[in-house]
Amino acid sequence: MELGADGVLMNTAIAGATDPGAMAEAMNHAVRAGTLAYTAGRIQRKLYATASSPIEGKI
């Protein structure tokens, strides 16, 4: 979906599952999670890597 697809054919994954209803629900959650992550936005890019957790006071 991030690449611009409007839909994805998931028939094989759902139809071949032991519990097709649960698989369809899992796919639903996956699409919603992806959309939520995309709309949340990424962290800002940096020129150089920096530690996300400070070392001072931990040791």
PDB file of N, CA and C in Angstrom:
ATOM      1  N   MET A   1       0.815  -1.183   0.000  1.00  0.00           N
ATOM      2  CA  MET A   1       0.000   0.000   0.000  1.00  0.00           C
ATOM      3  C   MET A   1       0.862   1.251   0.000  1.00  0.00           C
ATOM      4  N   GLU A   2       2.016   1.183   0.662  1.00  0.00           N
ATOM      5  CA  GLU A   2       2.915   2.328   0.661  1.00  0.00           C
ATOM      6  C   GLU A   2       3.466   2.601  -0.731  1.00  0.00           C
ATOM      7  N   LEU A   3       3.473   1.579  -1.574  1.00  0.00           N
ATOM      8  CA  LEU A   3       3.973   1.743  -2.935  1.00  0.00           C
ATOM      9  C   LEU A   3       2.897   2.239  -3.883  1.00  0.00           C
ATOM     10  N   GLY A   4       1.689   2.474  -3.370  1.00  0.00           N
ATOM     11  CA  GLY A   4       0.627   3.038  -4.186  1.00  0.00           C
ATOM     12  C   GLY A   4      -0.441   2.062  -4.618  1.00  0.00           C
ATOM     13  N   ALA A   5      -0.399   0.826  -4.149  1.00  0.00           N
ATOM     14  CA  ALA A   5      -1.430  -0.136  -4.524  1.00  0.00           C
ATOM     15  C   ALA A   5      -2.741   0.207  -3.808  1.00  0.00           C
ATOM     16  N   ASP A   6      -3.841   0.143  -4.541  1.00  0.00           N
ATOM     17  CA  ASP A   6      -5.149   0.396  -3.938  1.00  0.00           C
ATOM     18  C   ASP A   6      -5.704  -0.843  -3.256  1.00  0.00           C
ATOM     19  N   GLY A   7      -5.217  -2.000  -3.647  1.00  0.00           N
ATOM     20  CA  GLY A   7      -5.711  -3.233  -3.063  1.00  0.00           C
ATOM     21  C   GLY A   7      -4.696  -4.347  -3.216  1.00  0.00           C
ATOM     22  N   VAL A   8      -4.842  -5.369  -2.410  1.00  0.00           N
ATOM     23  CA  VAL A   8      -3.938  -6.508  -2.454  1.00  0.00           C
ATOM     24  C   VAL A   8      -4.786  -7.772  -2.443  1.00  0.00           C
ATOM     25  N   LEU A   9      -4.508  -8.702  -3.347  1.00  0.00           N
ATOM     26  CA  LEU A   9      -5.242  -9.958  -3.387  1.00  0.00           C
ATOM     27  C   LEU A   9      -4.697 -10.880  -2.301  1.00  0.00           C
ATOM     28  N   MET A  10      -5.566 -11.241  -1.363  1.00  0.00           N
ATOM     29  CA  MET A  10      -5.146 -12.085  -0.243  1.00  0.00           C
ATOM     30  C   MET A  10      -5.904 -13.400  -0.217  1.00  0.00           C
ATOM     31  N   ASN A  11      -6.473 -13.801  -1.321  1.00  0.00           N
ATOM     32  CA  ASN A  11      -7.304 -14.998  -1.348  1.00  0.00           C
ATOM     33  C   ASN A  11      -6.554 -16.228  -0.867  1.00  0.00           C
ATOM     34  N   THR A  12      -5.338 -16.456  -1.338  1.00  0.00           N
ATOM     35  CA  THR A  12      -4.599 -17.661  -0.976  1.00  0.00           C
ATOM     36  C   THR A  12      -4.326 -17.718   0.525  1.00  0.00           C
ATOM     37  N   ALA A  13      -3.917 -16.604   1.098  1.00  0.00           N
ATOM     38  CA  ALA A  13      -3.617 -16.577   2.531  1.00  0.00           C
ATOM     39  C   ALA A  13      -4.865 -16.846   3.363  1.00  0.00           C
ATOM     40  N   ILE A  14      -5.981 -16.269   2.968  1.00  0.00           N
ATOM     41  CA  ILE A  14      -7.208 -16.438   3.732  1.00  0.00           C
ATOM     42  C   ILE A  14      -7.838 -17.805   3.483  1.00  0.00           C
ATOM     43  N   ALA A  15      -7.965 -18.179   2.218  1.00  0.00           N
ATOM     44  CA  ALA A  15      -8.615 -19.447   1.881  1.00  0.00           C
ATOM     45  C   ALA A  15      -7.816 -20.653   2.355  1.00  0.00           C
ATOM     46  N   GLY A  16      -6.503 -20.558   2.390  1.00  0.00           N
ATOM     47  CA  GLY A  16      -5.660 -21.680   2.786  1.00  0.00           C
ATOM     48  C   GLY A  16      -5.427 -21.782   4.277  1.00  0.00           C
ATOM     49  N   ALA A  17      -5.896 -20.808   5.041  1.00  0.00           N
ATOM     50  CA  ALA A  17      -5.672 -20.828   6.485  1.00  0.00           C
ATOM     51  C   ALA A  17      -6.574 -21.863   7.163  1.00  0.00           C
ATOM     52  N   THR A  18      -6.125 -22.365   8.286  1.00  0.00           N
ATOM     53  CA  THR A  18      -6.932 -23.291   9.072  1.00  0.00           C
ATOM     54  C   THR A  18      -8.210 -22.608   9.552  1.00  0.00           C
ATOM     55  N   ASP A  19      -8.092 -21.338   9.951  1.00  0.00           N
ATOM     56  CA  ASP A  19      -9.245 -20.540  10.371  1.00  0.00           C
ATOM     57  C   ASP A  19      -9.305 -19.296   9.482  1.00  0.00           C
ATOM     58  N   PRO A  20     -10.037 -19.363   8.353  1.00  0.00           N
ATOM     59  CA  PRO A  20     -10.069 -18.241   7.415  1.00  0.00           C
ATOM     60  C   PRO A  20     -10.576 -16.939   8.028  1.00  0.00           C
ATOM     61  N   GLY A  21     -11.537 -17.028   8.940  1.00  0.00           N
ATOM     62  CA  GLY A  21     -12.055 -15.817   9.583  1.00  0.00           C
ATOM     63  C   GLY A  21     -10.999 -15.110  10.405  1.00  0.00           C
ATOM     64  N   ALA A  22     -10.228 -15.889  11.141  1.00  0.00           N
ATOM     65  CA  ALA A  22      -9.155 -15.309  11.952  1.00  0.00           C
ATOM     66  C   ALA A  22      -8.069 -14.705  11.060  1.00  0.00           C
ATOM     67  N   MET A  23      -7.761 -15.364   9.952  1.00  0.00           N
ATOM     68  CA  MET A  23      -6.749 -14.829   9.040  1.00  0.00           C
ATOM     69  C   MET A  23      -7.224 -13.523   8.410  1.00  0.00           C
ATOM     70  N   ALA A  24      -8.486 -13.455   8.027  1.00  0.00           N
ATOM     71  CA  ALA A  24      -9.031 -12.219   7.466  1.00  0.00           C
ATOM     72  C   ALA A  24      -8.975 -11.094   8.494  1.00  0.00           C
ATOM     73  N   GLU A  25      -9.289 -11.419   9.734  1.00  0.00           N
ATOM     74  CA  GLU A  25      -9.208 -10.416  10.805  1.00  0.00           C
ATOM     75  C   GLU A  25      -7.763  -9.971  11.022  1.00  0.00           C
ATOM     76  N   ALA A  26      -6.815 -10.902  10.964  1.00  0.00           N
ATOM     77  CA  ALA A  26      -5.396 -10.562  11.111  1.00  0.00           C
ATOM     78  C   ALA A  26      -4.938  -9.629   9.991  1.00  0.00           C
ATOM     79  N   MET A  27      -5.379  -9.896   8.780  1.00  0.00           N
ATOM     80  CA  MET A  27      -5.024  -9.026   7.650  1.00  0.00           C
ATOM     81  C   MET A  27      -5.626  -7.636   7.841  1.00  0.00           C
ATOM     82  N   ASN A  28      -6.843  -7.591   8.364  1.00  0.00           N
ATOM     83  CA  ASN A  28      -7.489  -6.316   8.648  1.00  0.00           C
ATOM     84  C   ASN A  28      -6.661  -5.517   9.645  1.00  0.00           C
ATOM     85  N   HIS A  29      -6.230  -6.176  10.712  1.00  0.00           N
ATOM     86  CA  HIS A  29      -5.399  -5.498  11.720  1.00  0.00           C
ATOM     87  C   HIS A  29      -4.068  -5.046  11.125  1.00  0.00           C
ATOM     88  N   ALA A  30      -3.501  -5.854  10.241  1.00  0.00           N
ATOM     89  CA  ALA A  30      -2.219  -5.499   9.623  1.00  0.00           C
ATOM     90  C   ALA A  30      -2.348  -4.237   8.776  1.00  0.00           C
ATOM     91  N   VAL A  31      -3.420  -4.142   8.012  1.00  0.00           N
ATOM     92  CA  VAL A  31      -3.630  -2.953   7.174  1.00  0.00           C
ATOM     93  C   VAL A  31      -3.865  -1.730   8.042  1.00  0.00           C
ATOM     94  N   ARG A  32      -4.664  -1.886   9.092  1.00  0.00           N
ATOM     95  CA  ARG A  32      -4.912  -0.751   9.993  1.00  0.00           C
ATOM     96  C   ARG A  32      -3.631  -0.306  10.698  1.00  0.00           C
ATOM     97  N   ALA A  33      -2.808  -1.272  11.127  1.00  0.00           N
ATOM     98  CA  ALA A  33      -1.547  -0.939  11.794  1.00  0.00           C
ATOM     99  C   ALA A  33      -0.608  -0.209  10.843  1.00  0.00           C
ATOM    100  N   GLY A  34      -0.543  -0.670   9.616  1.00  0.00           N
ATOM    101  CA  GLY A  34       0.308  -0.002   8.632  1.00  0.00           C
ATOM    102  C   GLY A  34      -0.131   1.421   8.368  1.00  0.00           C
ATOM    103  N   THR A  35      -1.438   1.621   8.261  1.00  0.00           N
ATOM    104  CA  THR A  35      -1.969   2.968   8.041  1.00  0.00           C
ATOM    105  C   THR A  35      -1.688   3.864   9.234  1.00  0.00           C
ATOM    106  N   LEU A  36      -1.885   3.338  10.429  1.00  0.00           N
ATOM    107  CA  LEU A  36      -1.624   4.118  11.635  1.00  0.00           C
ATOM    108  C   LEU A  36      -0.152   4.503  11.743  1.00  0.00           C
ATOM    109  N   ALA A  37       0.734   3.553  11.442  1.00  0.00           N
ATOM    110  CA  ALA A  37       2.169   3.837  11.487  1.00  0.00           C
ATOM    111  C   ALA A  37       2.549   4.892  10.455  1.00  0.00           C
ATOM    112  N   TYR A  38       1.963   4.809   9.273  1.00  0.00           N
ATOM    113  CA  TYR A  38       2.267   5.782   8.219  1.00  0.00           C
ATOM    114  C   TYR A  38       1.800   7.179   8.610  1.00  0.00           C
ATOM    115  N   THR A  39       0.591   7.287   9.155  1.00  0.00           N
ATOM    116  CA  THR A  39       0.077   8.601   9.524  1.00  0.00           C
ATOM    117  C   THR A  39       0.761   9.165  10.768  1.00  0.00           C
ATOM    118  N   ALA A  40       1.348   8.298  11.610  1.00  0.00           N
ATOM    119  CA  ALA A  40       2.079   8.772  12.791  1.00  0.00           C
ATOM    120  C   ALA A  40       3.334   9.528  12.377  1.00  0.00           C
ATOM    121  N   GLY A  41       3.901   9.171  11.242  1.00  0.00           N
ATOM    122  CA  GLY A  41       5.082   9.858  10.730  1.00  0.00           C
ATOM    123  C   GLY A  41       6.376   9.247  11.235  1.00  0.00           C
ATOM    124  N   ARG A  42       7.403   9.413  10.454  1.00  0.00           N
ATOM    125  CA  ARG A  42       8.697   8.868  10.828  1.00  0.00           C
ATOM    126  C   ARG A  42       9.463   9.863  11.693  1.00  0.00           C
ATOM    127  N   ILE A  43      10.484   9.353  12.352  1.00  0.00           N
ATOM    128  CA  ILE A  43      11.339  10.254  13.117  1.00  0.00           C
ATOM    129  C   ILE A  43      12.161  11.080  12.129  1.00  0.00           C
ATOM    130  N   GLN A  44      12.630  12.204  12.596  1.00  0.00           N
ATOM    131  CA  GLN A  44      13.373  13.098  11.732  1.00  0.00           C
ATOM    132  C   GLN A  44      14.710  12.490  11.347  1.00  0.00           C
ATOM    133  N   ARG A  45      15.084  12.632  10.088  1.00  0.00           N
ATOM    134  CA  ARG A  45      16.365  12.115   9.614  1.00  0.00           C
ATOM    135  C   ARG A  45      17.504  12.970  10.148  1.00  0.00           C
ATOM    136  N   LYS A  46      18.630  12.306  10.407  1.00  0.00           N
ATOM    137  CA  LYS A  46      19.816  13.002  10.900  1.00  0.00           C
ATOM    138  C   LYS A  46      20.981  12.685   9.977  1.00  0.00           C
ATOM    139  N   LEU A  47      21.932  13.588   9.923  1.00  0.00           N
ATOM    140  CA  LEU A  47      23.110  13.376   9.092  1.00  0.00           C
ATOM    141  C   LEU A  47      23.993  12.289   9.686  1.00  0.00           C
ATOM    142  N   TYR A  48      24.074  12.250  11.023  1.00  0.00           N
ATOM    143  CA  TYR A  48      24.893  11.257  11.704  1.00  0.00           C
ATOM    144  C   TYR A  48      24.060  10.529  12.748  1.00  0.00           C
ATOM    145  N   ALA A  49      24.423   9.296  13.035  1.00  0.00           N
ATOM    146  CA  ALA A  49      23.712   8.514  14.037  1.00  0.00           C
ATOM    147  C   ALA A  49      24.019   9.032  15.436  1.00  0.00           C
ATOM    148  N   THR A  50      23.022   8.989  16.301  1.00  0.00           N
ATOM    149  CA  THR A  50      23.205   9.364  17.705  1.00  0.00           C
ATOM    150  C   THR A  50      22.492   8.323  18.570  1.00  0.00           C
ATOM    151  N   ALA A  51      23.007   8.113  19.760  1.00  0.00           N
ATOM    152  CA  ALA A  51      22.390   7.155  20.683  1.00  0.00           C
ATOM    153  C   ALA A  51      21.044   7.684  21.124  1.00  0.00           C
ATOM    154  N   SER A  52      20.058   6.818  21.170  1.00  0.00           N
ATOM    155  CA  SER A  52      18.730   7.250  21.601  1.00  0.00           C
ATOM    156  C   SER A  52      18.589   7.233  23.118  1.00  0.00           C
ATOM    157  N   SER A  53      19.472   6.515  23.789  1.00  0.00           N
ATOM    158  CA  SER A  53      19.465   6.455  25.252  1.00  0.00           C
ATOM    159  C   SER A  53      20.798   6.982  25.775  1.00  0.00           C
ATOM    160  N   PRO A  54      20.750   7.923  26.723  1.00  0.00           N
ATOM    161  CA  PRO A  54      22.007   8.457  27.262  1.00  0.00           C
ATOM    162  C   PRO A  54      22.734   7.431  28.115  1.00  0.00           C
ATOM    163  N   ILE A  55      24.047   7.474  28.087  1.00  0.00           N
ATOM    164  CA  ILE A  55      24.866   6.556  28.869  1.00  0.00           C
ATOM    165  C   ILE A  55      25.153   7.164  30.245  1.00  0.00           C
ATOM    166  N   GLU A  56      25.188   8.484  30.360  1.00  0.00           N
ATOM    167  CA  GLU A  56      25.500   9.140  31.610  1.00  0.00           C
ATOM    168  C   GLU A  56      24.528   8.727  32.699  1.00  0.00           C
ATOM    169  N   GLY A  57      25.035   8.362  33.876  1.00  0.00           N
ATOM    170  CA  GLY A  57      24.216   8.031  35.020  1.00  0.00           C
ATOM    171  C   GLY A  57      23.637   6.630  35.000  1.00  0.00           C
ATOM    172  N   LYS A  58      23.988   5.812  34.034  1.00  0.00           N
ATOM    173  CA  LYS A  58      23.440   4.472  33.937  1.00  0.00           C
ATOM    174  C   LYS A  58      24.381   3.407  34.501  1.00  0.00           C
ATOM    175  N   ILE A  59      25.674   3.704  34.557  1.00  0.00           N
ATOM    176  CA  ILE A  59      26.646   2.714  35.012  1.00  0.00           C
ATOM    177  C   ILE A  59      27.273   3.165  36.319  1.00  0.00           C
TER     178      ILE A  59
END
